[in-house]
């Protein structure tokens, strides 16, 4: 709680000319001199201003306390958030490693031909497009339908592009000309 002592009144809330002392310490005599110049009106004005600031402080105290509590909650949530991020990255890395192992196993069991490569490229492009569409829906589920469609189209364009290029690349037939 802020107390309305004469020093607080002078330093914080009274007109600017009083608090500008060019770095000198303000003594009790300077304070008495200042208050004597203005008389009881100046003291009453400063005391009223202190009361205004006290009321302002009291009105915003619950809001500040709420912010302090939220800060503490967020401060305690940081390790949990870091753990979630680490688990997410680890899951993506493990998923990529498993995809690599599966692709190696499929190559050994089912030798790749150009048609098999085309099928794999189209399957990967379709998976990319489905995942991109799901991501577009989860980013802002309450967006308009046209915005969601546009976002899904933008996110899936690399999958469509690389799928088309891969399909074309693996569909080429090597023609050997003798002459």
C-alpha atoms as a PDB file:
ATOM      1  CA  UNK A   1       0.000   0.000   0.000  1.00  0.00           C
ATOM      2  CA  UNK A   2       1.292   3.435  -0.918  1.00  0.00           C
ATOM      3  CA  UNK A   3       1.435   5.815   2.032  1.00  0.00           C
ATOM      4  CA  UNK A   4       0.972   9.545   1.509  1.00  0.00           C
ATOM      5  CA  UNK A   5       4.076  10.790   3.279  1.00  0.00           C
ATOM      6  CA  UNK A   6       5.235  14.320   2.360  1.00  0.00           C
ATOM      7  CA  UNK A   7       8.343  12.934   0.641  1.00  0.00           C
ATOM      8  CA  UNK A   8       6.265  10.579  -1.540  1.00  0.00           C
ATOM      9  CA  UNK A   9       3.930  13.447  -2.356  1.00  0.00           C
ATOM     10  CA  UNK A  10       6.793  15.647  -3.462  1.00  0.00           C
ATOM     11  CA  UNK A  11       8.848  13.098  -5.363  1.00  0.00           C
ATOM     12  CA  UNK A  12       6.131  11.238  -7.215  1.00  0.00           C
ATOM     13  CA  UNK A  13       3.045  13.275  -7.621  1.00  0.00           C
ATOM     14  CA  UNK A  14       3.661  17.006  -7.341  1.00  0.00           C
ATOM     15  CA  UNK A  15       4.535  19.400 -10.178  1.00  0.00           C
ATOM     16  CA  UNK A  16       7.750  18.836 -12.097  1.00  0.00           C
ATOM     17  CA  UNK A  17       9.614  21.879 -10.793  1.00  0.00           C
ATOM     18  CA  UNK A  18       9.966  20.371  -7.336  1.00  0.00           C
ATOM     19  CA  UNK A  19      11.485  17.049  -8.259  1.00  0.00           C
ATOM     20  CA  UNK A  20      14.111  18.560 -10.573  1.00  0.00           C
ATOM     21  CA  UNK A  21      16.975  19.163  -8.195  1.00  0.00           C
ATOM     22  CA  UNK A  22      19.899  18.629 -10.613  1.00  0.00           C
ATOM     23  CA  UNK A  23      21.022  15.488  -8.815  1.00  0.00           C
ATOM     24  CA  UNK A  24      21.075  17.041  -5.336  1.00  0.00           C
ATOM     25  CA  UNK A  25      19.475  15.273  -2.424  1.00  0.00           C
ATOM     26  CA  UNK A  26      16.211  16.796  -1.291  1.00  0.00           C
ATOM     27  CA  UNK A  27      16.287  17.651   2.380  1.00  0.00           C
ATOM     28  CA  UNK A  28      13.425  17.984   4.804  1.00  0.00           C
ATOM     29  CA  UNK A  29      14.003  21.749   4.834  1.00  0.00           C
ATOM     30  CA  UNK A  30      13.548  21.903   1.032  1.00  0.00           C
ATOM     31  CA  UNK A  31      10.322  19.969   1.381  1.00  0.00           C
ATOM     32  CA  UNK A  32       9.020  22.269   4.117  1.00  0.00           C
ATOM     33  CA  UNK A  33      10.011  25.309   2.034  1.00  0.00           C
ATOM     34  CA  UNK A  34       8.159  23.937  -0.991  1.00  0.00           C
ATOM     35  CA  UNK A  35       5.027  23.215   0.998  1.00  0.00           C
ATOM     36  CA  UNK A  36       5.191  26.637   2.693  1.00  0.00           C
ATOM     37  CA  UNK A  37       5.292  28.404  -0.702  1.00  0.00           C
ATOM     38  CA  UNK A  38       2.054  26.883  -1.807  1.00  0.00           C
ATOM     39  CA  UNK A  39       0.347  26.906   1.507  1.00  0.00           C
ATOM     40  CA  UNK A  40      -2.277  24.432   2.577  1.00  0.00           C
ATOM     41  CA  UNK A  41      -3.771  24.351  -0.928  1.00  0.00           C
ATOM     42  CA  UNK A  42      -0.649  22.766  -2.403  1.00  0.00           C
ATOM     43  CA  UNK A  43      -0.486  20.192   0.371  1.00  0.00           C
ATOM     44  CA  UNK A  44      -4.179  19.377  -0.113  1.00  0.00           C
ATOM     45  CA  UNK A  45      -3.692  19.144  -3.888  1.00  0.00           C
ATOM     46  CA  UNK A  46      -0.749  16.766  -3.502  1.00  0.00           C
ATOM     47  CA  UNK A  47      -2.570  14.674  -0.914  1.00  0.00           C
ATOM     48  CA  UNK A  48      -5.609  14.426  -3.204  1.00  0.00           C
ATOM     49  CA  UNK A  49      -3.336  13.346  -6.022  1.00  0.00           C
ATOM     50  CA  UNK A  50      -1.824  10.666  -3.802  1.00  0.00           C
ATOM     51  CA  UNK A  51      -5.337   9.426  -3.069  1.00  0.00           C
ATOM     52  CA  UNK A  52      -6.102   9.296  -6.817  1.00  0.00           C
ATOM     53  CA  UNK A  53      -3.011   7.189  -7.398  1.00  0.00           C
ATOM     54  CA  UNK A  54      -3.912   4.956  -4.466  1.00  0.00           C
ATOM     55  CA  UNK A  55      -7.397   4.405  -5.918  1.00  0.00           C
ATOM     56  CA  UNK A  56      -5.867   3.667  -9.307  1.00  0.00           C
ATOM     57  CA  UNK A  57      -3.501   1.162  -7.714  1.00  0.00           C
ATOM     58  CA  UNK A  58      -6.328  -0.494  -5.791  1.00  0.00           C
ATOM     59  CA  UNK A  59      -8.485  -0.786  -8.919  1.00  0.00           C
ATOM     60  CA  UNK A  60      -5.739  -2.498 -10.958  1.00  0.00           C
ATOM     61  CA  UNK A  61      -4.297  -4.667  -8.194  1.00  0.00           C
ATOM     62  CA  UNK A  62      -6.505  -7.723  -8.982  1.00  0.00           C
ATOM     63  CA  UNK A  63      -5.526  -7.477 -12.646  1.00  0.00           C
ATOM     64  CA  UNK A  64      -1.830  -7.349 -11.741  1.00  0.00           C
ATOM     65  CA  UNK A  65      -2.210 -10.261  -9.354  1.00  0.00           C
ATOM     66  CA  UNK A  66      -3.869 -12.276 -12.121  1.00  0.00           C
ATOM     67  CA  UNK A  67      -0.954 -11.516 -14.440  1.00  0.00           C
ATOM     68  CA  UNK A  68       1.525 -12.572 -11.762  1.00  0.00           C
ATOM     69  CA  UNK A  69      -0.306 -15.877 -11.303  1.00  0.00           C
ATOM     70  CA  UNK A  70      -0.389 -16.444 -15.061  1.00  0.00           C
ATOM     71  CA  UNK A  71       3.346 -15.709 -15.229  1.00  0.00           C
ATOM     72  CA  UNK A  72       4.005 -18.303 -12.546  1.00  0.00           C
ATOM     73  CA  UNK A  73       1.862 -20.842 -14.399  1.00  0.00           C
ATOM     74  CA  UNK A  74       3.712 -20.199 -17.639  1.00  0.00           C
ATOM     75  CA  UNK A  75       7.054 -20.350 -15.880  1.00  0.00           C
ATOM     76  CA  UNK A  76       6.173 -23.808 -14.533  1.00  0.00           C
ATOM     77  CA  UNK A  77       4.946 -24.942 -17.981  1.00  0.00           C
ATOM     78  CA  UNK A  78       8.272 -24.275 -19.754  1.00  0.00           C
ATOM     79  CA  UNK A  79       9.876 -27.681 -18.999  1.00  0.00           C
ATOM     80  CA  UNK A  80       6.684 -29.456 -20.026  1.00  0.00           C
ATOM     81  CA  UNK A  81       6.578 -27.519 -23.306  1.00  0.00           C
ATOM     82  CA  UNK A  82      10.224 -28.289 -23.997  1.00  0.00           C
ATOM     83  CA  UNK A  83       9.525 -31.966 -23.381  1.00  0.00           C
ATOM     84  CA  UNK A  84       6.599 -31.894 -25.812  1.00  0.00           C
ATOM     85  CA  UNK A  85       8.753 -30.255 -28.492  1.00  0.00           C
ATOM     86  CA  UNK A  86      11.516 -32.810 -27.946  1.00  0.00           C
ATOM     87  CA  UNK A  87       9.041 -35.685 -28.166  1.00  0.00           C
ATOM     88  CA  UNK A  88       7.638 -34.222 -31.389  1.00  0.00           C
ATOM     89  CA  UNK A  89      11.058 -33.956 -33.014  1.00  0.00           C
ATOM     90  CA  UNK A  90      12.011 -37.428 -31.791  1.00  0.00           C
ATOM     91  CA  UNK A  91       8.778 -38.849 -33.234  1.00  0.00           C
ATOM     92  CA  UNK A  92       9.441 -37.241 -36.614  1.00  0.00           C
ATOM     93  CA  UNK A  93      13.015 -38.561 -36.625  1.00  0.00           C
ATOM     94  CA  UNK A  94      11.916 -42.043 -35.608  1.00  0.00           C
ATOM     95  CA  UNK A  95       9.192 -41.991 -38.274  1.00  0.00           C
ATOM     96  CA  UNK A  96      11.703 -40.999 -40.951  1.00  0.00           C
ATOM     97  CA  UNK A  97      14.044 -43.780 -39.809  1.00  0.00           C
ATOM     98  CA  UNK A  98      11.212 -46.342 -39.938  1.00  0.00           C
ATOM     99  CA  UNK A  99      10.226 -45.135 -43.425  1.00  0.00           C
ATOM    100  CA  UNK A 100      13.829 -45.602 -44.534  1.00  0.00           C
ATOM    101  CA  UNK A 101      13.902 -49.150 -43.111  1.00  0.00           C
ATOM    102  CA  UNK A 102      10.579 -50.021 -44.742  1.00  0.00           C
ATOM    103  CA  UNK A 103      11.766 -48.716 -48.116  1.00  0.00           C
ATOM    104  CA  UNK A 104      14.932 -50.793 -47.825  1.00  0.00           C
ATOM    105  CA  UNK A 105      12.909 -53.900 -46.953  1.00  0.00           C
ATOM    106  CA  UNK A 106      10.483 -53.349 -49.829  1.00  0.00           C
ATOM    107  CA  UNK A 107      13.364 -52.992 -52.284  1.00  0.00           C
ATOM    108  CA  UNK A 108      14.773 -56.336 -51.246  1.00  0.00           C
ATOM    109  CA  UNK A 109      11.467 -58.189 -51.411  1.00  0.00           C
ATOM    110  CA  UNK A 110       9.988 -56.404 -54.409  1.00  0.00           C
ATOM    111  CA  UNK A 111      12.631 -55.219 -56.875  1.00  0.00           C
ATOM    112  CA  UNK A 112      11.841 -51.757 -58.196  1.00  0.00           C
ATOM    113  CA  UNK A 113      10.791 -51.403 -61.792  1.00  0.00           C
ATOM    114  CA  UNK A 114       9.743 -48.160 -63.445  1.00  0.00           C
ATOM    115  CA  UNK A 115       6.052 -48.966 -62.807  1.00  0.00           C
ATOM    116  CA  UNK A 116       6.756 -49.737 -59.134  1.00  0.00           C
ATOM    117  CA  UNK A 117       8.658 -46.468 -58.794  1.00  0.00           C
ATOM    118  CA  UNK A 118       5.759 -44.587 -60.380  1.00  0.00           C
ATOM    119  CA  UNK A 119       3.337 -46.231 -57.964  1.00  0.00           C
ATOM    120  CA  UNK A 120       5.567 -45.332 -54.999  1.00  0.00           C
ATOM    121  CA  UNK A 121       5.854 -41.701 -56.161  1.00  0.00           C
ATOM    122  CA  UNK A 122       2.081 -41.380 -56.607  1.00  0.00           C
ATOM    123  CA  UNK A 123       1.478 -42.949 -53.197  1.00  0.00           C
ATOM    124  CA  UNK A 124       3.922 -40.549 -51.515  1.00  0.00           C
ATOM    125  CA  UNK A 125       2.355 -37.581 -53.333  1.00  0.00           C
ATOM    126  CA  UNK A 126      -1.112 -38.661 -52.198  1.00  0.00           C
ATOM    127  CA  UNK A 127       0.085 -39.020 -48.605  1.00  0.00           C
ATOM    128  CA  UNK A 128       1.682 -35.566 -48.812  1.00  0.00           C
ATOM    129  CA  UNK A 129      -1.566 -34.041 -50.083  1.00  0.00           C
ATOM    130  CA  UNK A 130      -3.681 -35.706 -47.381  1.00  0.00           C
ATOM    131  CA  UNK A 131      -1.333 -34.606 -44.606  1.00  0.00           C
ATOM    132  CA  UNK A 132      -1.139 -31.070 -46.025  1.00  0.00           C
ATOM    133  CA  UNK A 133      -4.939 -30.885 -46.128  1.00  0.00           C
ATOM    134  CA  UNK A 134      -5.197 -32.086 -42.527  1.00  0.00           C
ATOM    135  CA  UNK A 135      -2.629 -29.517 -41.436  1.00  0.00           C
ATOM    136  CA  UNK A 136      -4.564 -26.797 -43.267  1.00  0.00           C
ATOM    137  CA  UNK A 137      -7.718 -27.807 -41.397  1.00  0.00           C
ATOM    138  CA  UNK A 138      -6.093 -27.941 -37.971  1.00  0.00           C
ATOM    139  CA  UNK A 139      -4.288 -24.602 -38.210  1.00  0.00           C
ATOM    140  CA  UNK A 140      -7.505 -22.608 -38.087  1.00  0.00           C
ATOM    141  CA  UNK A 141     -10.572 -24.832 -37.935  1.00  0.00           C
ATOM    142  CA  UNK A 142     -12.974 -21.875 -37.729  1.00  0.00           C
ATOM    143  CA  UNK A 143     -11.746 -20.175 -40.909  1.00  0.00           C
ATOM    144  CA  UNK A 144     -13.968 -19.837 -43.918  1.00  0.00           C
ATOM    145  CA  UNK A 145     -14.219 -22.770 -46.292  1.00  0.00           C
ATOM    146  CA  UNK A 146     -12.576 -20.901 -49.162  1.00  0.00           C
ATOM    147  CA  UNK A 147      -9.608 -19.898 -46.987  1.00  0.00           C
ATOM    148  CA  UNK A 148      -9.182 -23.489 -45.826  1.00  0.00           C
ATOM    149  CA  UNK A 149      -9.344 -24.786 -49.403  1.00  0.00           C
ATOM    150  CA  UNK A 150      -6.805 -22.217 -50.529  1.00  0.00           C
ATOM    151  CA  UNK A 151      -4.479 -23.088 -47.643  1.00  0.00           C
ATOM    152  CA  UNK A 152      -4.819 -26.815 -48.417  1.00  0.00           C
ATOM    153  CA  UNK A 153      -4.036 -26.123 -52.084  1.00  0.00           C
ATOM    154  CA  UNK A 154      -0.927 -24.104 -51.221  1.00  0.00           C
ATOM    155  CA  UNK A 155       0.339 -26.726 -48.755  1.00  0.00           C
ATOM    156  CA  UNK A 156      -0.229 -29.574 -51.203  1.00  0.00           C
ATOM    157  CA  UNK A 157       1.386 -27.908 -54.243  1.00  0.00           C
ATOM    158  CA  UNK A 158       4.893 -29.285 -53.509  1.00  0.00           C
ATOM    159  CA  UNK A 159       3.457 -32.811 -53.273  1.00  0.00           C
ATOM    160  CA  UNK A 160       1.635 -32.403 -56.577  1.00  0.00           C
ATOM    161  CA  UNK A 161       4.724 -30.903 -58.225  1.00  0.00           C
ATOM    162  CA  UNK A 162       7.194 -33.525 -56.998  1.00  0.00           C
ATOM    163  CA  UNK A 163       4.684 -36.318 -57.635  1.00  0.00           C
ATOM    164  CA  UNK A 164       4.219 -35.220 -61.233  1.00  0.00           C
ATOM    165  CA  UNK A 165       7.940 -34.841 -61.821  1.00  0.00           C
ATOM    166  CA  UNK A 166       8.652 -38.225 -60.211  1.00  0.00           C
ATOM    167  CA  UNK A 167       5.904 -39.926 -62.199  1.00  0.00           C
ATOM    168  CA  UNK A 168       7.265 -38.461 -65.416  1.00  0.00           C
ATOM    169  CA  UNK A 169      10.883 -39.288 -64.488  1.00  0.00           C
ATOM    170  CA  UNK A 170      10.236 -42.932 -63.650  1.00  0.00           C
ATOM    171  CA  UNK A 171       7.871 -43.373 -66.592  1.00  0.00           C
ATOM    172  CA  UNK A 172      10.510 -42.614 -69.187  1.00  0.00           C
ATOM    173  CA  UNK A 173      11.574 -45.530 -71.217  1.00  0.00           C
ATOM    174  CA  UNK A 174      15.132 -45.797 -72.222  1.00  0.00           C
ATOM    175  CA  UNK A 175      15.187 -46.282 -75.939  1.00  0.00           C
ATOM    176  CA  UNK A 176      18.397 -47.719 -77.217  1.00  0.00           C
ATOM    177  CA  UNK A 177      19.076 -46.835 -80.812  1.00  0.00           C
ATOM    178  CA  UNK A 178      21.596 -48.832 -82.617  1.00  0.00           C
ATOM    179  CA  UNK A 179      22.094 -46.329 -85.435  1.00  0.00           C
END
